[in-house]
PDB file of N, CA and C in Angstrom:
ATOM      1  N   MET A   1       0.855  -1.172   0.000  1.00  0.00           N
ATOM      2  CA  MET A   1       0.000   0.000   0.000  1.00  0.00           C
ATOM      3  C   MET A   1       0.899   1.232   0.000  1.00  0.00           C
ATOM      4  N   SER A   2       0.633   2.151  -0.904  1.00  0.00           N
ATOM      5  CA  SER A   2       1.447   3.362  -1.015  1.00  0.00           C
ATOM      6  C   SER A   2       1.113   4.338   0.115  1.00  0.00           C
ATOM      7  N   TYR A   3       1.979   5.339   0.254  1.00  0.00           N
ATOM      8  CA  TYR A   3       1.766   6.366   1.265  1.00  0.00           C
ATOM      9  C   TYR A   3       0.421   7.065   1.045  1.00  0.00           C
ATOM     10  N   GLU A   4       0.115   7.375  -0.213  1.00  0.00           N
ATOM     11  CA  GLU A   4      -1.144   8.055  -0.520  1.00  0.00           C
ATOM     12  C   GLU A   4      -2.343   7.180  -0.162  1.00  0.00           C
ATOM     13  N   ASP A   5      -2.246   5.882  -0.432  1.00  0.00           N
ATOM     14  CA  ASP A   5      -3.338   4.972  -0.088  1.00  0.00           C
ATOM     15  C   ASP A   5      -3.545   4.921   1.421  1.00  0.00           C
ATOM     16  N   ARG A   6      -2.451   4.887   2.170  1.00  0.00           N
ATOM     17  CA  ARG A   6      -2.561   4.872   3.637  1.00  0.00           C
ATOM     18  C   ARG A   6      -3.158   6.182   4.140  1.00  0.00           C
ATOM     19  N   ALA A   7      -2.779   7.296   3.523  1.00  0.00           N
ATOM     20  CA  ALA A   7      -3.334   8.592   3.926  1.00  0.00           C
ATOM     21  C   ALA A   7      -4.832   8.635   3.676  1.00  0.00           C
ATOM     22  N   VAL A   8      -5.270   8.118   2.538  1.00  0.00           N
ATOM     23  CA  VAL A   8      -6.700   8.078   2.226  1.00  0.00           C
ATOM     24  C   VAL A   8      -7.427   7.202   3.240  1.00  0.00           C
ATOM     25  N   THR A   9      -6.838   6.090   3.610  1.00  0.00           N
ATOM     26  CA  THR A   9      -7.445   5.198   4.599  1.00  0.00           C
ATOM     27  C   THR A   9      -7.632   5.916   5.936  1.00  0.00           C
ATOM     28  N   VAL A  10      -6.630   6.684   6.355  1.00  0.00           N
ATOM     29  CA  VAL A  10      -6.735   7.422   7.615  1.00  0.00           C
ATOM     30  C   VAL A  10      -7.760   8.545   7.489  1.00  0.00           C
ATOM     31  N   LEU A  11      -7.771   9.249   6.356  1.00  0.00           N
ATOM     32  CA  LEU A  11      -8.781  10.291   6.143  1.00  0.00           C
ATOM     33  C   LEU A  11     -10.183   9.708   6.240  1.00  0.00           C
ATOM     34  N   GLU A  12     -10.389   8.566   5.648  1.00  0.00           N
ATOM     35  CA  GLU A  12     -11.700   7.911   5.713  1.00  0.00           C
ATOM     36  C   GLU A  12     -12.041   7.494   7.140  1.00  0.00           C
ATOM     37  N   ALA A  13     -11.052   7.010   7.894  1.00  0.00           N
ATOM     38  CA  ALA A  13     -11.296   6.613   9.284  1.00  0.00           C
ATOM     39  C   ALA A  13     -11.704   7.817  10.122  1.00  0.00           C
ATOM     40  N   VAL A  14     -11.008   8.933   9.947  1.00  0.00           N
ATOM     41  CA  VAL A  14     -11.362  10.151  10.684  1.00  0.00           C
ATOM     42  C   VAL A  14     -12.761  10.610  10.295  1.00  0.00           C
ATOM     43  N   ALA A  15     -13.057  10.637   9.003  1.00  0.00           N
ATOM     44  CA  ALA A  15     -14.378  11.076   8.540  1.00  0.00           C
ATOM     45  C   ALA A  15     -15.479  10.168   9.081  1.00  0.00           C
ATOM     46  N   ASP A  16     -15.253   8.860   9.097  1.00  0.00           N
ATOM     47  CA  ASP A  16     -16.247   7.922   9.636  1.00  0.00           C
ATOM     48  C   ASP A  16     -16.520   8.201  11.103  1.00  0.00           C
ATOM     49  N   ARG A  17     -15.477   8.444  11.883  1.00  0.00           N
ATOM     50  CA  ARG A  17     -15.655   8.692  13.312  1.00  0.00           C
ATOM     51  C   ARG A  17     -16.298  10.059  13.570  1.00  0.00           C
ATOM     52  N   GLU A  18     -15.993  11.042  12.726  1.00  0.00           N
ATOM     53  CA  GLU A  18     -16.668  12.340  12.843  1.00  0.00           C
ATOM     54  C   GLU A  18     -18.167  12.184  12.639  1.00  0.00           C
ATOM     55  N   ARG A  19     -18.534  11.457  11.594  1.00  0.00           N
ATOM     56  CA  ARG A  19     -19.967  11.272  11.288  1.00  0.00           C
ATOM     57  C   ARG A  19     -20.673  10.496  12.395  1.00  0.00           C
ATOM     58  N   ALA A  20     -19.990   9.552  13.020  1.00  0.00           N
ATOM     59  CA  ALA A  20     -20.605   8.730  14.062  1.00  0.00           C
ATOM     60  C   ALA A  20     -20.774   9.489  15.375  1.00  0.00           C
ATOM     61  N   ALA A  21     -19.964  10.500  15.594  1.00  0.00           N
ATOM     62  CA  ALA A  21     -20.001  11.242  16.860  1.00  0.00           C
ATOM     63  C   ALA A  21     -20.974  12.414  16.748  1.00  0.00           C
ATOM     64  N   GLU A  22     -21.787  12.600  17.771  1.00  0.00           N
ATOM     65  CA  GLU A  22     -22.735  13.712  17.780  1.00  0.00           C
ATOM     66  C   GLU A  22     -22.027  15.058  17.754  1.00  0.00           C
ATOM     67  N   HIS A  23     -20.856  15.125  18.356  1.00  0.00           N
ATOM     68  CA  HIS A  23     -20.141  16.392  18.466  1.00  0.00           C
ATOM     69  C   HIS A  23     -19.240  16.680  17.264  1.00  0.00           C
ATOM     70  N   GLY A  24     -19.081  15.739  16.341  1.00  0.00           N
ATOM     71  CA  GLY A  24     -18.343  15.997  15.116  1.00  0.00           C
ATOM     72  C   GLY A  24     -16.839  15.919  15.211  1.00  0.00           C
ATOM     73  N   TRP A  25     -16.324  15.305  16.263  1.00  0.00           N
ATOM     74  CA  TRP A  25     -14.879  15.148  16.433  1.00  0.00           C
ATOM     75  C   TRP A  25     -14.523  13.674  16.476  1.00  0.00           C
ATOM     76  N   ALA A  26     -13.396  13.333  15.909  1.00  0.00           N
ATOM     77  CA  ALA A  26     -12.833  11.984  16.048  1.00  0.00           C
ATOM     78  C   ALA A  26     -11.897  12.042  17.251  1.00  0.00           C
ATOM     79  N   LEU A  27     -12.100  11.151  18.200  1.00  0.00           N
ATOM     80  CA  LEU A  27     -11.395  11.251  19.475  1.00  0.00           C
ATOM     81  C   LEU A  27     -10.175  10.343  19.563  1.00  0.00           C
ATOM     82  N   ASP A  28      -9.305  10.706  20.501  1.00  0.00           N
ATOM     83  CA  ASP A  28      -8.059   9.984  20.735  1.00  0.00           C
ATOM     84  C   ASP A  28      -8.275   8.485  20.902  1.00  0.00           C
ATOM     85  N   TRP A  29      -9.264   8.098  21.664  1.00  0.00           N
ATOM     86  CA  TRP A  29      -9.500   6.694  21.982  1.00  0.00           C
ATOM     87  C   TRP A  29      -9.741   5.863  20.714  1.00  0.00           C
ATOM     88  N   ASP A  30     -10.505   6.414  19.778  1.00  0.00           N
ATOM     89  CA  ASP A  30     -10.846   5.692  18.555  1.00  0.00           C
ATOM     90  C   ASP A  30      -9.704   5.622  17.557  1.00  0.00           C
ATOM     91  N   LEU A  31      -8.789   6.570  17.630  1.00  0.00           N
ATOM     92  CA  LEU A  31      -7.748   6.666  16.607  1.00  0.00           C
ATOM     93  C   LEU A  31      -6.352   6.306  17.125  1.00  0.00           C
ATOM     94  N   ARG A  32      -6.265   5.687  18.284  1.00  0.00           N
ATOM     95  CA  ARG A  32      -4.950   5.330  18.831  1.00  0.00           C
ATOM     96  C   ARG A  32      -4.085   4.531  17.869  1.00  0.00           C
ATOM     97  N   PRO A  33      -4.633   3.543  17.144  1.00  0.00           N
ATOM     98  CA  PRO A  33      -3.765   2.748  16.263  1.00  0.00           C
ATOM     99  C   PRO A  33      -3.141   3.555  15.118  1.00  0.00           C
ATOM    100  N   VAL A  34      -3.728   4.676  14.760  1.00  0.00           N
ATOM    101  CA  VAL A  34      -3.218   5.468  13.632  1.00  0.00           C
ATOM    102  C   VAL A  34      -2.826   6.885  14.073  1.00  0.00           C
ATOM    103  N   LYS A  35      -2.469   7.036  15.337  1.00  0.00           N
ATOM    104  CA  LYS A  35      -2.178   8.355  15.903  1.00  0.00           C
ATOM    105  C   LYS A  35      -1.138   9.119  15.082  1.00  0.00           C
ATOM    106  N   GLN A  36       0.001   8.512  14.782  1.00  0.00           N
ATOM    107  CA  GLN A  36       1.044   9.225  14.055  1.00  0.00           C
ATOM    108  C   GLN A  36       0.576   9.634  12.668  1.00  0.00           C
ATOM    109  N   ARG A  37      -0.195   8.808  12.026  1.00  0.00           N
ATOM    110  CA  ARG A  37      -0.711   9.160  10.695  1.00  0.00           C
ATOM    111  C   ARG A  37      -1.689  10.329  10.778  1.00  0.00           C
ATOM    112  N   VAL A  38      -2.485  10.372  11.844  1.00  0.00           N
ATOM    113  CA  VAL A  38      -3.397  11.502  12.036  1.00  0.00           C
ATOM    114  C   VAL A  38      -2.585  12.784  12.239  1.00  0.00           C
ATOM    115  N   PHE A  39      -1.519  12.706  13.035  1.00  0.00           N
ATOM    116  CA  PHE A  39      -0.672  13.873  13.246  1.00  0.00           C
ATOM    117  C   PHE A  39      -0.041  14.316  11.928  1.00  0.00           C
ATOM    118  N   ASN A  40       0.329  13.383  11.073  1.00  0.00           N
ATOM    119  CA  ASN A  40       0.882  13.722   9.763  1.00  0.00           C
ATOM    120  C   ASN A  40      -0.144  14.442   8.899  1.00  0.00           C
ATOM    121  N   LEU A  41      -1.415  14.014   8.969  1.00  0.00           N
ATOM    122  CA  LEU A  41      -2.471  14.703   8.220  1.00  0.00           C
ATOM    123  C   LEU A  41      -2.598  16.153   8.677  1.00  0.00           C
ATOM    124  N   ALA A  42      -2.515  16.358   9.978  1.00  0.00           N
ATOM    125  CA  ALA A  42      -2.618  17.718  10.518  1.00  0.00           C
ATOM    126  C   ALA A  42      -1.448  18.576  10.038  1.00  0.00           C
ATOM    127  N   GLU A  43      -0.262  17.995   9.996  1.00  0.00           N
ATOM    128  CA  GLU A  43       0.901  18.738   9.507  1.00  0.00           C
ATOM    129  C   GLU A  43       0.720  19.152   8.051  1.00  0.00           C
ATOM    130  N   ARG A  44       0.004  18.363   7.287  1.00  0.00           N
ATOM    131  CA  ARG A  44      -0.245  18.659   5.874  1.00  0.00           C
ATOM    132  C   ARG A  44      -1.461  19.564   5.676  1.00  0.00           C
ATOM    133  N   GLY A  45      -2.116  19.960   6.773  1.00  0.00           N
ATOM    134  CA  GLY A  45      -3.267  20.855   6.678  1.00  0.00           C
ATOM    135  C   GLY A  45      -4.568  20.157   6.336  1.00  0.00           C
ATOM    136  N   LEU A  46      -4.595  18.832   6.425  1.00  0.00           N
ATOM    137  CA  LEU A  46      -5.804  18.085   6.080  1.00  0.00           C
ATOM    138  C   LEU A  46      -6.699  17.825   7.284  1.00  0.00           C
ATOM    139  N   ALA A  47      -6.188  18.090   8.476  1.00  0.00           N
ATOM    140  CA  ALA A  47      -6.960  17.882   9.699  1.00  0.00           C
ATOM    141  C   ALA A  47      -6.551  18.954  10.704  1.00  0.00           C
ATOM    142  N   GLU A  48      -7.446  19.199  11.650  1.00  0.00           N
ATOM    143  CA  GLU A  48      -7.145  20.157  12.711  1.00  0.00           C
ATOM    144  C   GLU A  48      -7.416  19.517  14.059  1.00  0.00           C
ATOM    145  N   PHE A  49      -6.620  19.919  15.040  1.00  0.00           N
ATOM    146  CA  PHE A  49      -6.785  19.399  16.387  1.00  0.00           C
ATOM    147  C   PHE A  49      -7.653  20.333  17.217  1.00  0.00           C
ATOM    148  N   ALA A  50      -8.358  19.748  18.171  1.00  0.00           N
ATOM    149  CA  ALA A  50      -9.178  20.532  19.089  1.00  0.00           C
ATOM    150  C   ALA A  50      -8.268  21.363  19.983  1.00  0.00           C
ATOM    151  N   ASP A  51      -8.675  22.596  20.226  1.00  0.00           N
ATOM    152  CA  ASP A  51      -7.909  23.428  21.153  1.00  0.00           C
ATOM    153  C   ASP A  51      -8.293  23.067  22.587  1.00  0.00           C
ATOM    154  N   ARG A  52      -7.699  23.738  23.530  1.00  0.00           N
ATOM    155  CA  ARG A  52      -7.916  23.426  24.952  1.00  0.00           C
ATOM    156  C   ARG A  52      -9.388  23.519  25.342  1.00  0.00           C
ATOM    157  N   ASP A  53     -10.067  24.577  24.897  1.00  0.00           N
ATOM    158  CA  ASP A  53     -11.482  24.744  25.255  1.00  0.00           C
ATOM    159  C   ASP A  53     -12.341  23.628  24.672  1.00  0.00           C
ATOM    160  N   ASP A  54     -12.089  23.277  23.415  1.00  0.00           N
ATOM    161  CA  ASP A  54     -12.850  22.191  22.799  1.00  0.00           C
ATOM    162  C   ASP A  54     -12.566  20.855  23.484  1.00  0.00           C
ATOM    163  N   ARG A  55     -11.302  20.610  23.856  1.00  0.00           N
ATOM    164  CA  ARG A  55     -10.983  19.363  24.567  1.00  0.00           C
ATOM    165  C   ARG A  55     -11.682  19.310  25.921  1.00  0.00           C
ATOM    166  N   ALA A  56     -11.777  20.451  26.600  1.00  0.00           N
ATOM    167  CA  ALA A  56     -12.483  20.489  27.888  1.00  0.00           C
ATOM    168  C   ALA A  56     -13.964  20.173  27.681  1.00  0.00           C
ATOM    169  N   ALA A  57     -14.571  20.766  26.658  1.00  0.00           N
ATOM    170  CA  ALA A  57     -15.988  20.504  26.377  1.00  0.00           C
ATOM    171  C   ALA A  57     -16.182  19.047  25.958  1.00  0.00           C
ATOM    172  N   LEU A  58     -15.275  18.520  25.150  1.00  0.00           N
ATOM    173  CA  LEU A  58     -15.377  17.113  24.745  1.00  0.00           C
ATOM    174  C   LEU A  58     -15.216  16.179  25.943  1.00  0.00           C
ATOM    175  N   SER A  59     -14.318  16.523  26.850  1.00  0.00           N
ATOM    176  CA  SER A  59     -14.131  15.710  28.057  1.00  0.00           C
ATOM    177  C   SER A  59     -15.401  15.680  28.892  1.00  0.00           C
ATOM    178  N   ALA A  60     -16.054  16.829  29.029  1.00  0.00           N
ATOM    179  CA  ALA A  60     -17.327  16.882  29.767  1.00  0.00           C
ATOM    180  C   ALA A  60     -18.378  16.051  29.050  1.00  0.00           C
ATOM    181  N   TRP A  61     -18.431  16.165  27.734  1.00  0.00           N
ATOM    182  CA  TRP A  61     -19.403  15.427  26.919  1.00  0.00           C
ATOM    183  C   TRP A  61     -19.188  13.929  27.050  1.00  0.00           C
ATOM    184  N   GLU A  62     -17.943  13.496  26.946  1.00  0.00           N
ATOM    185  CA  GLU A  62     -17.612  12.071  26.955  1.00  0.00           C
ATOM    186  C   GLU A  62     -17.553  11.477  28.363  1.00  0.00           C
ATOM    187  N   GLY A  63     -17.415  12.324  29.376  1.00  0.00           N
ATOM    188  CA  GLY A  63     -17.307  11.822  30.743  1.00  0.00           C
ATOM    189  C   GLY A  63     -15.943  11.198  31.035  1.00  0.00           C
ATOM    190  N   ARG A  64     -14.944  11.597  30.286  1.00  0.00           N
ATOM    191  CA  ARG A  64     -13.573  11.140  30.489  1.00  0.00           C
ATOM    192  C   ARG A  64     -12.642  12.191  29.902  1.00  0.00           C
ATOM    193  N   ALA A  65     -11.384  12.131  30.274  1.00  0.00           N
ATOM    194  CA  ALA A  65     -10.415  13.084  29.733  1.00  0.00           C
ATOM    195  C   ALA A  65     -10.143  12.779  28.260  1.00  0.00           C
ATOM    196  N   VAL A  66     -10.294  13.776  27.424  1.00  0.00           N
ATOM    197  CA  VAL A  66      -9.973  13.651  26.003  1.00  0.00           C
ATOM    198  C   VAL A  66      -8.625  14.347  25.810  1.00  0.00           C
ATOM    199  N   ARG A  67      -7.596  13.564  25.523  1.00  0.00           N
ATOM    200  CA  ARG A  67      -6.242  14.112  25.383  1.00  0.00           C
ATOM    201  C   ARG A  67      -6.057  14.839  24.063  1.00  0.00           C
ATOM    202  N   TRP A  68      -6.660  14.334  23.003  1.00  0.00           N
ATOM    203  CA  TRP A  68      -6.631  15.019  21.706  1.00  0.00           C
ATOM    204  C   TRP A  68      -7.832  14.572  20.900  1.00  0.00           C
ATOM    205  N   ALA A  69      -8.254  15.448  20.045  1.00  0.00           N
ATOM    206  CA  ALA A  69      -9.371  15.172  19.142  1.00  0.00           C
ATOM    207  C   ALA A  69      -9.054  15.865  17.828  1.00  0.00           C
ATOM    208  N   VAL A  70      -9.557  15.312  16.767  1.00  0.00           N
ATOM    209  CA  VAL A  70      -9.226  15.828  15.445  1.00  0.00           C
ATOM    210  C   VAL A  70     -10.468  15.801  14.561  1.00  0.00           C
ATOM    211  N   ARG A  71     -10.494  16.684  13.601  1.00  0.00           N
ATOM    212  CA  ARG A  71     -11.521  16.648  12.561  1.00  0.00           C
ATOM    213  C   ARG A  71     -10.862  17.109  11.266  1.00  0.00           C
ATOM    214  N   LEU A  72     -11.420  16.669  10.178  1.00  0.00           N
ATOM    215  CA  LEU A  72     -10.884  17.044   8.881  1.00  0.00           C
ATOM    216  C   LEU A  72     -11.160  18.508   8.622  1.00  0.00           C
ATOM    217  N   THR A  73     -10.254  19.164   7.950  1.00  0.00           N
ATOM    218  CA  THR A  73     -10.486  20.555   7.587  1.00  0.00           C
ATOM    219  C   THR A  73     -11.489  20.582   6.447  1.00  0.00           C
ATOM    220  N   ALA A  74     -12.302  21.585   6.431  1.00  0.00           N
ATOM    221  CA  ALA A  74     -13.336  21.708   5.402  1.00  0.00           C
ATOM    222  C   ALA A  74     -12.747  22.440   4.200  1.00  0.00           C
ATOM    223  N   ARG A  75     -12.119  21.682   3.327  1.00  0.00           N
ATOM    224  CA  ARG A  75     -11.525  22.249   2.124  1.00  0.00           C
ATOM    225  C   ARG A  75     -12.153  21.574   0.915  1.00  0.00           C
ATOM    226  N   PRO A  76     -12.776  22.338   0.036  1.00  0.00           N
ATOM    227  CA  PRO A  76     -13.437  21.732  -1.119  1.00  0.00           C
ATOM    228  C   PRO A  76     -12.467  21.055  -2.079  1.00  0.00           C
ATOM    229  N   ASP A  77     -11.196  21.431  -2.028  1.00  0.00           N
ATOM    230  CA  ASP A  77     -10.220  20.864  -2.948  1.00  0.00           C
ATOM    231  C   ASP A  77      -9.458  19.693  -2.341  1.00  0.00           C
ATOM    232  N   MET A  78      -9.935  19.174  -1.198  1.00  0.00           N
ATOM    233  CA  MET A  78      -9.202  18.129  -0.513  1.00  0.00           C
ATOM    234  C   MET A  78      -9.210  16.832  -1.315  1.00  0.00           C
ATOM    235  N   THR A  79      -8.077  16.493  -1.828  1.00  0.00           N
ATOM    236  CA  THR A  79      -7.904  15.218  -2.511  1.00  0.00           C
ATOM    237  C   THR A  79      -6.566  14.639  -2.104  1.00  0.00           C
ATOM    238  N   CYS A  80      -6.470  13.382  -2.155  1.00  0.00           N
ATOM    239  CA  CYS A  80      -5.226  12.706  -1.855  1.00  0.00           C
ATOM    240  C   CYS A  80      -5.040  11.675  -2.953  1.00  0.00           C
ATOM    241  N   SER A  81      -3.984  11.783  -3.684  1.00  0.00           N
ATOM    242  CA  SER A  81      -3.741  10.936  -4.848  1.00  0.00           C
ATOM    243  C   SER A  81      -4.880  11.190  -5.835  1.00  0.00           C
ATOM    244  N   SER A  82      -5.450  10.142  -6.388  1.00  0.00           N
ATOM    245  CA  SER A  82      -6.536  10.337  -7.340  1.00  0.00           C
ATOM    246  C   SER A  82      -7.898  10.127  -6.708  1.00  0.00           C
ATOM    247  N   THR A  83      -7.932   9.865  -5.413  1.00  0.00           N
ATOM    248  CA  THR A  83      -9.183   9.590  -4.709  1.00  0.00           C
ATOM    249  C   THR A  83      -9.654  10.846  -3.998  1.00  0.00           C
ATOM    250  N   ALA A  84     -10.842  11.298  -4.301  1.00  0.00           N
ATOM    251  CA  ALA A  84     -11.407  12.465  -3.631  1.00  0.00           C
ATOM    252  C   ALA A  84     -12.060  12.027  -2.334  1.00  0.00           C
ATOM    253  N   VAL A  85     -11.867  12.797  -1.300  1.00  0.00           N
ATOM    254  CA  VAL A  85     -12.466  12.506   0.000  1.00  0.00           C
ATOM    255  C   VAL A  85     -13.447  13.617   0.299  1.00  0.00           C
ATOM    256  N   SER A  86     -14.709  13.261   0.493  1.00  0.00           N
ATOM    257  CA  SER A  86     -15.695  14.293   0.800  1.00  0.00           C
ATOM    258  C   SER A  86     -15.723  14.522   2.296  1.00  0.00           C
ATOM    259  N   VAL A  87     -15.774  15.776   2.674  1.00  0.00           N
ATOM    260  CA  VAL A  87     -15.781  16.146   4.082  1.00  0.00           C
ATOM    261  C   VAL A  87     -17.115  16.810   4.373  1.00  0.00           C
ATOM    262  N   PRO A  88     -17.889  16.241   5.301  1.00  0.00           N
ATOM    263  CA  PRO A  88     -19.181  16.847   5.611  1.00  0.00           C
ATOM    264  C   PRO A  88     -18.995  18.198   6.276  1.00  0.00           C
ATOM    265  N   SER A  89     -19.951  19.055   6.086  1.00  0.00           N
ATOM    266  CA  SER A  89     -19.920  20.349   6.742  1.00  0.00           C
ATOM    267  C   SER A  89     -20.232  20.133   8.212  1.00  0.00           C
ATOM    268  N   LEU A  90     -19.329  20.562   9.083  1.00  0.00           N
ATOM    269  CA  LEU A  90     -19.483  20.337  10.515  1.00  0.00           C
ATOM    270  C   LEU A  90     -19.603  21.669  11.230  1.00  0.00           C
ATOM    271  N   PRO A  91     -20.305  21.685  12.355  1.00  0.00           N
ATOM    272  CA  PRO A  91     -20.351  22.914  13.134  1.00  0.00           C
ATOM    273  C   PRO A  91     -18.948  23.259  13.615  1.00  0.00           C
ATOM    274  N   ARG A  92     -18.580  24.515  13.605  1.00  0.00           N
ATOM    275  CA  ARG A  92     -17.235  24.932  13.975  1.00  0.00           C
ATOM    276  C   ARG A  92     -17.114  25.245  15.457  1.00  0.00           C
ATOM    277  N   THR A  93     -18.188  25.156  16.203  1.00  0.00           N
ATOM    278  CA  THR A  93     -18.118  25.384  17.640  1.00  0.00           C
ATOM    279  C   THR A  93     -18.675  24.167  18.351  1.00  0.00           C
ATOM    280  N   LEU A  94     -18.277  23.992  19.553  1.00  0.00           N
ATOM    281  CA  LEU A  94     -18.694  22.842  20.329  1.00  0.00           C
ATOM    282  C   LEU A  94     -19.216  23.337  21.666  1.00  0.00           C
ATOM    283  N   THR A  95     -20.329  22.843  22.063  1.00  0.00           N
ATOM    284  CA  THR A  95     -20.913  23.187  23.343  1.00  0.00           C
ATOM    285  C   THR A  95     -21.096  21.909  24.140  1.00  0.00           C
ATOM    286  N   ALA A  96     -20.652  21.954  25.367  1.00  0.00           N
ATOM    287  CA  ALA A  96     -20.808  20.795  26.227  1.00  0.00           C
ATOM    288  C   ALA A  96     -22.298  20.551  26.482  1.00  0.00           C
ATOM    289  N   PRO A  97     -22.714  19.299  26.626  1.00  0.00           N
ATOM    290  CA  PRO A  97     -24.116  19.023  26.882  1.00  0.00           C
ATOM    291  C   PRO A  97     -24.546  19.553  28.235  1.00  0.00           C
ATOM    292  N   VAL A  98     -25.799  19.888  28.341  1.00  0.00           N
ATOM    293  CA  VAL A  98     -26.348  20.380  29.596  1.00  0.00           C
ATOM    294  C   VAL A  98     -27.077  19.212  30.250  1.00  0.00           C
ATOM    295  N   PHE A  99     -26.660  18.892  31.448  1.00  0.00           N
ATOM    296  CA  PHE A  99     -27.275  17.776  32.175  1.00  0.00           C
ATOM    297  C   PHE A  99     -28.240  18.353  33.195  1.00  0.00           C
ATOM    298  N   SER A 100     -29.448  17.811  33.205  1.00  0.00           N
ATOM    299  CA  SER A 100     -30.406  18.274  34.208  1.00  0.00           C
ATOM    300  C   SER A 100     -30.430  17.223  35.314  1.00  0.00           C
ATOM    301  N   GLY A 101     -30.404  17.694  36.484  1.00  0.00           N
ATOM    302  CA  GLY A 101     -30.422  16.796  37.636  1.00  0.00           C
ATOM    303  C   GLY A 101     -31.091  17.459  38.805  1.00  0.00           C
ATOM    304  N   SER A 102     -31.381  16.665  39.803  1.00  0.00           N
ATOM    305  CA  SER A 102     -32.008  17.237  40.988  1.00  0.00           C
ATOM    306  C   SER A 102     -30.953  17.880  41.866  1.00  0.00           C
ATOM    307  N   SER A 103     -31.273  19.038  42.395  1.00  0.00           N
ATOM    308  CA  SER A 103     -30.333  19.749  43.260  1.00  0.00           C
ATOM    309  C   SER A 103     -30.775  19.661  44.684  1.00  0.00           C
TER     310      SER A 103
END
């Protein structure tokens, strides 16, 4: 498998996890096996990491510490090799869920 094929595979994995998550982020726990490849995508501008505030909100949402989270950048020209990868339009802000409970 070529480098480009592996990159496309990782892009697809990130996109799949983004779509599956209500908050639109692919989380550290799901992407541990391909962590270095995800970091390489970010270096190439194909993905972005959650900042501190987003990680805090994601941690509250998930009920555990989120060390890093990533989502694909929304670029209409995003292609890798000859395979085009479609990136869904995602909300650019994240709000932690509001839990109602008895006080």
